[in-house]
Amino acid sequence: MRKILIAISFFTRIPIKLKDVSAEEFYESMILIPLVGVFIGFILWGAAVLFSLIHYVQLQALLMVIVYIWLTGGLHLDGFADTTDALFSARDREKMMEIMKDSRLGAFGAIGLILIILTNWMSYTIILPEYSTALLVMPVFGRTMAIMSTCFSSYAPGGGGLGKRFVEMTQLHHFTIYLVLLLGYATLILGLPGLLTAVICLLPALLLMKNLQHKIGGMTGDTIGMTIELNQTFFMVVFAIILINFPVYFKLF
């Protein structure tokens, strides 16, 4: 319980004060990030229920974007922006690593942030009216894919930072356990459509992981952030597409 509280305090803005947290406890808590996703999911779902009183879905969706960014402190969006700047710079690997370490936001990072936030907003407008429970699964999927990426990747040379220990600690059994739990959780919350969405989204998650390995030689803290944000966006988009195109299928569950 203590380690999950440590993880929540690091990966969210929820003020949890814990005394005498050792470096080993802190690093070990990072492996619990999918459970932090469950915590985030319940807060997002609760916020969606509250915002449903507004009766204007576009505004509800905007407020959900704001709540998510506040809740996570933009931690993973920052990594997404830094990685986007690097990947679209058309430079060699060493230069891309320098760009990722630069705290300044570049043009490609800004464009990427605008696009992913707009995509999330549009997905919310589709999901919120009837299937806000998808928010319980979405952050868990993104963070489980982060476990997958760190499990099957090495740490990118020259990366530095907290991500190095995360990659070194993640083992196959971590991913196996979390994947089984994720698929069961998605089925429990959303029925077969949730399971189908999760399975479909494994493919873009694998492609993203392979692309990052090819481009920069592995994972860093920033690419872990990109992995989380893009994969949970994949999940929402695919779920929304299934919801729009196969509404009768959803009514079976």
C-alpha atoms as a PDB file:
ATOM      1  CA  MET A   1       0.000   0.000   0.000  1.00  0.00           C
ATOM      2  CA  ARG A   2       2.830   2.376   0.838  1.00  0.00           C
ATOM      3  CA  LYS A   3       4.455   1.881  -2.573  1.00  0.00           C
ATOM      4  CA  ILE A   4       1.237   2.594  -4.448  1.00  0.00           C
ATOM      5  CA  LEU A   5       0.858   5.802  -2.432  1.00  0.00           C
ATOM      6  CA  ILE A   6       4.416   6.729  -3.382  1.00  0.00           C
ATOM      7  CA  ALA A   7       3.590   6.073  -7.031  1.00  0.00           C
ATOM      8  CA  ILE A   8       0.399   8.157  -6.877  1.00  0.00           C
ATOM      9  CA  SER A   9       2.261  11.037  -5.251  1.00  0.00           C
ATOM     10  CA  PHE A  10       4.871  10.999  -8.041  1.00  0.00           C
ATOM     11  CA  PHE A  11       2.706  10.372 -11.107  1.00  0.00           C
ATOM     12  CA  THR A  12      -0.169  12.664 -10.080  1.00  0.00           C
ATOM     13  CA  ARG A  13      -0.671  15.995  -8.347  1.00  0.00           C
ATOM     14  CA  ILE A  14      -2.582  14.428  -5.460  1.00  0.00           C
ATOM     15  CA  PRO A  15      -0.815  15.732  -2.307  1.00  0.00           C
ATOM     16  CA  ILE A  16       0.218  12.606  -0.406  1.00  0.00           C
ATOM     17  CA  LYS A  17       2.863  13.228   2.224  1.00  0.00           C
ATOM     18  CA  LEU A  18       4.941  10.202   3.183  1.00  0.00           C
ATOM     19  CA  LYS A  19       7.874  10.240   5.540  1.00  0.00           C
ATOM     20  CA  ASP A  20      11.286   8.692   4.987  1.00  0.00           C
ATOM     21  CA  VAL A  21      10.784   7.462   1.444  1.00  0.00           C
ATOM     22  CA  SER A  22      13.947   5.628   0.439  1.00  0.00           C
ATOM     23  CA  ALA A  23      15.366   5.727  -3.071  1.00  0.00           C
ATOM     24  CA  GLU A  24      14.700   1.982  -3.404  1.00  0.00           C
ATOM     25  CA  GLU A  25      11.039   2.395  -2.402  1.00  0.00           C
ATOM     26  CA  PHE A  26      10.653   5.214  -4.888  1.00  0.00           C
ATOM     27  CA  TYR A  27      12.096   3.268  -7.799  1.00  0.00           C
ATOM     28  CA  GLU A  28      10.164   0.108  -6.941  1.00  0.00           C
ATOM     29  CA  SER A  29       6.925   2.104  -6.806  1.00  0.00           C
ATOM     30  CA  MET A  30       7.350   3.086 -10.460  1.00  0.00           C
ATOM     31  CA  ILE A  31       6.525  -0.454 -11.571  1.00  0.00           C
ATOM     32  CA  LEU A  32       3.029   0.072 -10.119  1.00  0.00           C
ATOM     33  CA  ILE A  33       2.159   2.710 -12.711  1.00  0.00           C
ATOM     34  CA  PRO A  34      -0.778   0.704 -14.196  1.00  0.00           C
ATOM     35  CA  LEU A  35      -2.389   0.767 -10.741  1.00  0.00           C
ATOM     36  CA  VAL A  36      -1.951   4.536 -10.760  1.00  0.00           C
ATOM     37  CA  GLY A  37      -3.878   4.363 -14.031  1.00  0.00           C
ATOM     38  CA  VAL A  38      -6.776   2.708 -12.173  1.00  0.00           C
ATOM     39  CA  PHE A  39      -6.716   5.556  -9.637  1.00  0.00           C
ATOM     40  CA  ILE A  40      -6.649   8.174 -12.413  1.00  0.00           C
ATOM     41  CA  GLY A  41      -9.450   6.376 -14.237  1.00  0.00           C
ATOM     42  CA  PHE A  42     -11.800   6.497 -11.265  1.00  0.00           C
ATOM     43  CA  ILE A  43     -11.157  10.208 -10.770  1.00  0.00           C
ATOM     44  CA  LEU A  44     -11.805  10.884 -14.462  1.00  0.00           C
ATOM     45  CA  TRP A  45     -14.984   8.809 -14.376  1.00  0.00           C
ATOM     46  CA  GLY A  46     -16.179  10.636 -11.259  1.00  0.00           C
ATOM     47  CA  ALA A  47     -15.466  13.964 -12.935  1.00  0.00           C
ATOM     48  CA  ALA A  48     -17.395  12.825 -16.032  1.00  0.00           C
ATOM     49  CA  VAL A  49     -20.422  11.917 -13.897  1.00  0.00           C
ATOM     50  CA  LEU A  50     -20.283  15.357 -12.268  1.00  0.00           C
ATOM     51  CA  PHE A  51     -19.847  17.203 -15.574  1.00  0.00           C
ATOM     52  CA  SER A  52     -22.796  15.307 -17.092  1.00  0.00           C
ATOM     53  CA  LEU A  53     -24.986  17.762 -15.182  1.00  0.00           C
ATOM     54  CA  ILE A  54     -23.876  20.471 -17.627  1.00  0.00           C
ATOM     55  CA  HIS A  55     -25.831  18.888 -20.553  1.00  0.00           C
ATOM     56  CA  TYR A  56     -23.393  20.268 -23.145  1.00  0.00           C
ATOM     57  CA  VAL A  57     -21.005  17.559 -24.214  1.00  0.00           C
ATOM     58  CA  GLN A  58     -18.416  19.807 -25.884  1.00  0.00           C
ATOM     59  CA  LEU A  59     -17.940  21.700 -22.632  1.00  0.00           C
ATOM     60  CA  GLN A  60     -17.878  18.448 -20.674  1.00  0.00           C
ATOM     61  CA  ALA A  61     -15.092  17.201 -22.960  1.00  0.00           C
ATOM     62  CA  LEU A  62     -13.081  20.392 -22.502  1.00  0.00           C
ATOM     63  CA  LEU A  63     -13.378  20.142 -18.726  1.00  0.00           C
ATOM     64  CA  MET A  64     -12.260  16.498 -18.882  1.00  0.00           C
ATOM     65  CA  VAL A  65      -9.119  17.528 -20.792  1.00  0.00           C
ATOM     66  CA  ILE A  66      -8.402  20.151 -18.122  1.00  0.00           C
ATOM     67  CA  VAL A  67      -8.983  17.706 -15.269  1.00  0.00           C
ATOM     68  CA  TYR A  68      -6.645  15.133 -16.809  1.00  0.00           C
ATOM     69  CA  ILE A  69      -3.867  17.651 -17.383  1.00  0.00           C
ATOM     70  CA  TRP A  70      -4.230  18.993 -13.845  1.00  0.00           C
ATOM     71  CA  LEU A  71      -4.361  15.511 -12.333  1.00  0.00           C
ATOM     72  CA  THR A  72      -1.183  14.311 -14.058  1.00  0.00           C
ATOM     73  CA  GLY A  73       0.543  17.675 -13.928  1.00  0.00           C
ATOM     74  CA  GLY A  74       1.203  17.343 -17.655  1.00  0.00           C
ATOM     75  CA  LEU A  75       4.073  15.003 -16.734  1.00  0.00           C
ATOM     76  CA  HIS A  76       3.611  12.588 -19.628  1.00  0.00           C
ATOM     77  CA  LEU A  77       2.509  15.288 -22.062  1.00  0.00           C
ATOM     78  CA  ASP A  78       5.846  16.967 -21.440  1.00  0.00           C
ATOM     79  CA  GLY A  79       7.627  13.754 -22.426  1.00  0.00           C
ATOM     80  CA  PHE A  80       5.348  13.443 -25.450  1.00  0.00           C
ATOM     81  CA  ALA A  81       6.241  16.980 -26.593  1.00  0.00           C
ATOM     82  CA  ASP A  82       9.991  16.493 -26.073  1.00  0.00           C
ATOM     83  CA  THR A  83       9.951  13.191 -27.955  1.00  0.00           C
ATOM     84  CA  THR A  84       7.890  14.666 -30.788  1.00  0.00           C
ATOM     85  CA  ASP A  85      10.383  17.509 -31.156  1.00  0.00           C
ATOM     86  CA  ALA A  86      13.216  14.983 -31.374  1.00  0.00           C
ATOM     87  CA  LEU A  87      11.591  12.489 -33.741  1.00  0.00           C
ATOM     88  CA  PHE A  88      10.475  15.120 -36.248  1.00  0.00           C
ATOM     89  CA  SER A  89      13.750  17.024 -36.216  1.00  0.00           C
ATOM     90  CA  ALA A  90      15.213  14.801 -38.977  1.00  0.00           C
ATOM     91  CA  ARG A  91      18.535  14.721 -37.095  1.00  0.00           C
ATOM     92  CA  ASP A  92      20.808  11.848 -36.118  1.00  0.00           C
ATOM     93  CA  ARG A  93      20.298   9.930 -32.890  1.00  0.00           C
ATOM     94  CA  GLU A  94      22.798  11.952 -30.851  1.00  0.00           C
ATOM     95  CA  LYS A  95      21.174  15.244 -31.852  1.00  0.00           C
ATOM     96  CA  MET A  96      17.712  13.851 -31.105  1.00  0.00           C
ATOM     97  CA  MET A  97      18.855  12.950 -27.583  1.00  0.00           C
ATOM     98  CA  GLU A  98      20.062  16.533 -27.113  1.00  0.00           C
ATOM     99  CA  ILE A  99      16.727  17.890 -28.303  1.00  0.00           C
ATOM    100  CA  MET A 100      14.843  15.636 -25.873  1.00  0.00           C
ATOM    101  CA  LYS A 101      16.918  16.943 -22.979  1.00  0.00           C
ATOM    102  CA  ASP A 102      16.233  20.577 -23.963  1.00  0.00           C
ATOM    103  CA  SER A 103      13.542  22.005 -21.679  1.00  0.00           C
ATOM    104  CA  ARG A 104      12.339  24.412 -24.373  1.00  0.00           C
ATOM    105  CA  LEU A 105       9.252  23.530 -26.408  1.00  0.00           C
ATOM    106  CA  GLY A 106       9.848  23.360 -30.160  1.00  0.00           C
ATOM    107  CA  ALA A 107       7.449  23.771 -33.048  1.00  0.00           C
ATOM    108  CA  PHE A 108       6.905  20.041 -33.569  1.00  0.00           C
ATOM    109  CA  GLY A 109       6.264  19.506 -29.872  1.00  0.00           C
ATOM    110  CA  ALA A 110       3.714  22.324 -29.835  1.00  0.00           C
ATOM    111  CA  ILE A 111       1.951  20.959 -32.925  1.00  0.00           C
ATOM    112  CA  GLY A 112       1.932  17.482 -31.395  1.00  0.00           C
ATOM    113  CA  LEU A 113       0.392  18.754 -28.160  1.00  0.00           C
ATOM    114  CA  ILE A 114      -2.340  20.603 -30.039  1.00  0.00           C
ATOM    115  CA  LEU A 115      -3.181  17.534 -32.104  1.00  0.00           C
ATOM    116  CA  ILE A 116      -3.258  15.058 -29.225  1.00  0.00           C
ATOM    117  CA  ILE A 117      -5.341  17.357 -27.030  1.00  0.00           C
ATOM    118  CA  LEU A 118      -7.804  17.974 -29.870  1.00  0.00           C
ATOM    119  CA  THR A 119      -7.994  14.234 -30.537  1.00  0.00           C
ATOM    120  CA  ASN A 120      -8.684  13.541 -26.880  1.00  0.00           C
ATOM    121  CA  TRP A 121     -11.310  16.283 -26.777  1.00  0.00           C
ATOM    122  CA  MET A 122     -13.118  14.876 -29.808  1.00  0.00           C
ATOM    123  CA  SER A 123     -12.965  11.348 -28.373  1.00  0.00           C
ATOM    124  CA  TYR A 124     -14.469  12.603 -25.119  1.00  0.00           C
ATOM    125  CA  THR A 125     -17.393  14.167 -27.005  1.00  0.00           C
ATOM    126  CA  ILE A 126     -18.216  10.755 -28.478  1.00  0.00           C
ATOM    127  CA  ILE A 127     -17.618   8.623 -25.401  1.00  0.00           C
ATOM    128  CA  LEU A 128     -19.040  10.762 -22.590  1.00  0.00           C
ATOM    129  CA  PRO A 129     -22.762  10.682 -23.390  1.00  0.00           C
ATOM    130  CA  GLU A 130     -23.193   6.913 -22.893  1.00  0.00           C
ATOM    131  CA  TYR A 131     -19.848   5.242 -22.241  1.00  0.00           C
ATOM    132  CA  SER A 132     -17.959   7.368 -19.724  1.00  0.00           C
ATOM    133  CA  THR A 133     -16.918   4.071 -18.088  1.00  0.00           C
ATOM    134  CA  ALA A 134     -14.297   3.840 -20.867  1.00  0.00           C
ATOM    135  CA  LEU A 135     -12.393   6.413 -18.813  1.00  0.00           C
ATOM    136  CA  LEU A 136     -11.844   3.716 -16.192  1.00  0.00           C
ATOM    137  CA  VAL A 137      -9.861   1.669 -18.712  1.00  0.00           C
ATOM    138  CA  MET A 138      -8.136   4.267 -20.902  1.00  0.00           C
ATOM    139  CA  PRO A 139      -5.371   5.376 -18.456  1.00  0.00           C
ATOM    140  CA  VAL A 140      -4.747   1.776 -17.412  1.00  0.00           C
ATOM    141  CA  PHE A 141      -4.193   0.745 -21.022  1.00  0.00           C
ATOM    142  CA  GLY A 142      -1.701   3.559 -21.661  1.00  0.00           C
ATOM    143  CA  ARG A 143       0.325   2.755 -18.567  1.00  0.00           C
ATOM    144  CA  THR A 144       0.281  -0.985 -19.196  1.00  0.00           C
ATOM    145  CA  MET A 145       1.717  -0.294 -22.650  1.00  0.00           C
ATOM    146  CA  ALA A 146       4.477   1.673 -20.925  1.00  0.00           C
ATOM    147  CA  ILE A 147       5.287  -1.501 -18.978  1.00  0.00           C
ATOM    148  CA  MET A 148       5.340  -3.436 -22.269  1.00  0.00           C
ATOM    149  CA  SER A 149       7.678  -0.918 -23.896  1.00  0.00           C
ATOM    150  CA  THR A 150      10.122  -0.866 -20.991  1.00  0.00           C
ATOM    151  CA  CYS A 151       9.981  -4.660 -20.717  1.00  0.00           C
ATOM    152  CA  PHE A 152      10.957  -5.315 -24.340  1.00  0.00           C
ATOM    153  CA  SER A 153      13.342  -2.387 -24.802  1.00  0.00           C
ATOM    154  CA  SER A 154      16.714  -1.364 -23.493  1.00  0.00           C
ATOM    155  CA  TYR A 155      17.439   2.115 -22.205  1.00  0.00           C
ATOM    156  CA  ALA A 156      18.522   4.501 -24.936  1.00  0.00           C
ATOM    157  CA  PRO A 157      22.225   5.382 -24.569  1.00  0.00           C
ATOM    158  CA  GLY A 158      22.737   8.899 -23.275  1.00  0.00           C
ATOM    159  CA  GLY A 159      19.225   9.265 -21.962  1.00  0.00           C
ATOM    160  CA  GLY A 160      19.887   9.670 -18.258  1.00  0.00           C
ATOM    161  CA  GLY A 161      17.104  10.428 -15.778  1.00  0.00           C
ATOM    162  CA  LEU A 162      14.567   8.360 -13.845  1.00  0.00           C
ATOM    163  CA  GLY A 163      13.488   6.362 -16.878  1.00  0.00           C
ATOM    164  CA  LYS A 164      16.732   4.370 -16.846  1.00  0.00           C
ATOM    165  CA  ARG A 165      15.899   2.624 -13.586  1.00  0.00           C
ATOM    166  CA  PHE A 166      12.316   2.034 -14.756  1.00  0.00           C
ATOM    167  CA  VAL A 167      13.518   0.231 -17.886  1.00  0.00           C
ATOM    168  CA  GLU A 168      16.080  -1.811 -15.945  1.00  0.00           C
ATOM    169  CA  MET A 169      13.527  -2.987 -13.369  1.00  0.00           C
ATOM    170  CA  THR A 170      10.721  -4.043 -15.714  1.00  0.00           C
ATOM    171  CA  GLN A 171      10.647  -7.793 -16.296  1.00  0.00           C
ATOM    172  CA  LEU A 172       8.565 -10.088 -18.500  1.00  0.00           C
ATOM    173  CA  HIS A 173       6.451 -11.300 -15.584  1.00  0.00           C
ATOM    174  CA  HIS A 174       5.449  -7.706 -14.810  1.00  0.00           C
ATOM    175  CA  PHE A 175       4.089  -7.203 -18.302  1.00  0.00           C
ATOM    176  CA  THR A 176       2.445 -10.648 -18.418  1.00  0.00           C
ATOM    177  CA  ILE A 177       0.569 -10.072 -15.169  1.00  0.00           C
ATOM    178  CA  TYR A 178      -0.488  -6.547 -16.080  1.00  0.00           C
ATOM    179  CA  LEU A 179      -1.617  -7.577 -19.579  1.00  0.00           C
ATOM    180  CA  VAL A 180      -3.836 -10.370 -18.248  1.00  0.00           C
ATOM    181  CA  LEU A 181      -5.283  -8.023 -15.628  1.00  0.00           C
ATOM    182  CA  LEU A 182      -5.825  -5.298 -18.234  1.00  0.00           C
ATOM    183  CA  LEU A 183      -7.727  -7.575 -20.614  1.00  0.00           C
ATOM    184  CA  GLY A 184      -9.874  -8.873 -17.767  1.00  0.00           C
ATOM    185  CA  TYR A 185     -10.470  -5.362 -16.454  1.00  0.00           C
ATOM    186  CA  ALA A 186     -11.431  -4.011 -19.891  1.00  0.00           C
ATOM    187  CA  THR A 187     -13.869  -6.896 -20.354  1.00  0.00           C
ATOM    188  CA  LEU A 188     -15.354  -6.417 -16.890  1.00  0.00           C
ATOM    189  CA  ILE A 189     -15.913  -2.675 -17.356  1.00  0.00           C
ATOM    190  CA  LEU A 190     -16.825  -2.468 -21.055  1.00  0.00           C
ATOM    191  CA  GLY A 191     -17.712  -6.013 -22.055  1.00  0.00           C
ATOM    192  CA  LEU A 192     -16.458  -7.602 -25.252  1.00  0.00           C
ATOM    193  CA  PRO A 193     -16.143  -4.189 -27.013  1.00  0.00           C
ATOM    194  CA  GLY A 194     -13.613  -3.178 -24.349  1.00  0.00           C
ATOM    195  CA  LEU A 195     -11.629  -6.363 -24.826  1.00  0.00           C
ATOM    196  CA  LEU A 196     -11.742  -5.910 -28.607  1.00  0.00           C
ATOM    197  CA  THR A 197     -10.494  -2.331 -28.314  1.00  0.00           C
ATOM    198  CA  ALA A 198      -7.612  -3.339 -26.052  1.00  0.00           C
ATOM    199  CA  VAL A 199      -6.542  -6.174 -28.370  1.00  0.00           C
ATOM    200  CA  ILE A 200      -6.711  -3.969 -31.480  1.00  0.00           C
ATOM    201  CA  CYS A 201      -4.670  -1.242 -29.776  1.00  0.00           C
ATOM    202  CA  LEU A 202      -1.846  -3.654 -28.976  1.00  0.00           C
ATOM    203  CA  LEU A 203      -0.709  -3.367 -32.599  1.00  0.00           C
ATOM    204  CA  PRO A 204      -0.104   0.431 -32.692  1.00  0.00           C
ATOM    205  CA  ALA A 205       1.513   0.104 -29.257  1.00  0.00           C
ATOM    206  CA  LEU A 206       3.969  -2.445 -30.646  1.00  0.00           C
ATOM    207  CA  LEU A 207       4.633  -0.310 -33.726  1.00  0.00           C
ATOM    208  CA  LEU A 208       5.313   2.747 -31.560  1.00  0.00           C
ATOM    209  CA  MET A 209       7.727   0.758 -29.404  1.00  0.00           C
ATOM    210  CA  LYS A 210       9.583  -0.569 -32.463  1.00  0.00           C
ATOM    211  CA  ASN A 211       9.779   2.905 -33.997  1.00  0.00           C
ATOM    212  CA  LEU A 212      11.285   4.362 -30.826  1.00  0.00           C
ATOM    213  CA  GLN A 213      13.814   1.540 -30.696  1.00  0.00           C
ATOM    214  CA  HIS A 214      14.754   2.173 -34.319  1.00  0.00           C
ATOM    215  CA  LYS A 215      14.987   5.949 -34.020  1.00  0.00           C
ATOM    216  CA  ILE A 216      16.744   6.443 -30.704  1.00  0.00           C
ATOM    217  CA  GLY A 217      17.851   2.965 -29.659  1.00  0.00           C
ATOM    218  CA  GLY A 218      15.411   2.311 -26.819  1.00  0.00           C
ATOM    219  CA  MET A 219      13.333   4.032 -24.179  1.00  0.00           C
ATOM    220  CA  THR A 220      13.883   7.112 -22.023  1.00  0.00           C
ATOM    221  CA  GLY A 221      11.719   8.903 -19.484  1.00  0.00           C
ATOM    222  CA  ASP A 222      10.384  11.120 -22.265  1.00  0.00           C
ATOM    223  CA  THR A 223       9.501   8.236 -24.570  1.00  0.00           C
ATOM    224  CA  ILE A 224       7.724   6.507 -21.691  1.00  0.00           C
ATOM    225  CA  GLY A 225       5.597   9.654 -21.423  1.00  0.00           C
ATOM    226  CA  MET A 226       4.874   9.542 -25.154  1.00  0.00           C
ATOM    227  CA  THR A 227       4.009   5.846 -24.900  1.00  0.00           C
ATOM    228  CA  ILE A 228       1.456   6.515 -22.176  1.00  0.00           C
ATOM    229  CA  GLU A 229      -0.200   9.476 -23.865  1.00  0.00           C
ATOM    230  CA  LEU A 230      -0.352   8.062 -27.388  1.00  0.00           C
ATOM    231  CA  ASN A 231      -1.565   4.633 -26.344  1.00  0.00           C
ATOM    232  CA  GLN A 232      -4.384   5.880 -24.175  1.00  0.00           C
ATOM    233  CA  THR A 233      -5.368   8.166 -27.057  1.00  0.00           C
ATOM    234  CA  PHE A 234      -5.281   5.151 -29.402  1.00  0.00           C
ATOM    235  CA  PHE A 235      -7.609   3.377 -27.000  1.00  0.00           C
ATOM    236  CA  MET A 236     -10.133   6.214 -26.921  1.00  0.00           C
ATOM    237  CA  VAL A 237     -10.085   6.701 -30.701  1.00  0.00           C
ATOM    238  CA  VAL A 238     -10.558   2.995 -31.474  1.00  0.00           C
ATOM    239  CA  PHE A 239     -13.290   2.685 -28.844  1.00  0.00           C
ATOM    240  CA  ALA A 240     -15.041   5.761 -30.288  1.00  0.00           C
ATOM    241  CA  ILE A 241     -14.802   4.351 -33.833  1.00  0.00           C
ATOM    242  CA  ILE A 242     -16.326   1.040 -32.725  1.00  0.00           C
ATOM    243  CA  LEU A 243     -19.011   2.927 -30.805  1.00  0.00           C
ATOM    244  CA  ILE A 244     -19.963   5.042 -33.834  1.00  0.00           C
ATOM    245  CA  ASN A 245     -19.853   2.331 -36.471  1.00  0.00           C
ATOM    246  CA  PHE A 246     -21.206  -0.617 -34.498  1.00  0.00           C
ATOM    247  CA  PRO A 247     -23.782   0.818 -32.051  1.00  0.00           C
ATOM    248  CA  VAL A 248     -25.942  -2.307 -32.244  1.00  0.00           C
ATOM    249  CA  TYR A 249     -22.941  -4.397 -31.223  1.00  0.00           C
ATOM    250  CA  PHE A 250     -22.572  -2.286 -28.076  1.00  0.00           C
ATOM    251  CA  LYS A 251     -26.196  -2.793 -27.110  1.00  0.00           C
ATOM    252  CA  LEU A 252     -25.532  -6.512 -26.800  1.00  0.00           C
ATOM    253  CA  PHE A 253     -23.358  -5.801 -23.765  1.00  0.00           C
END
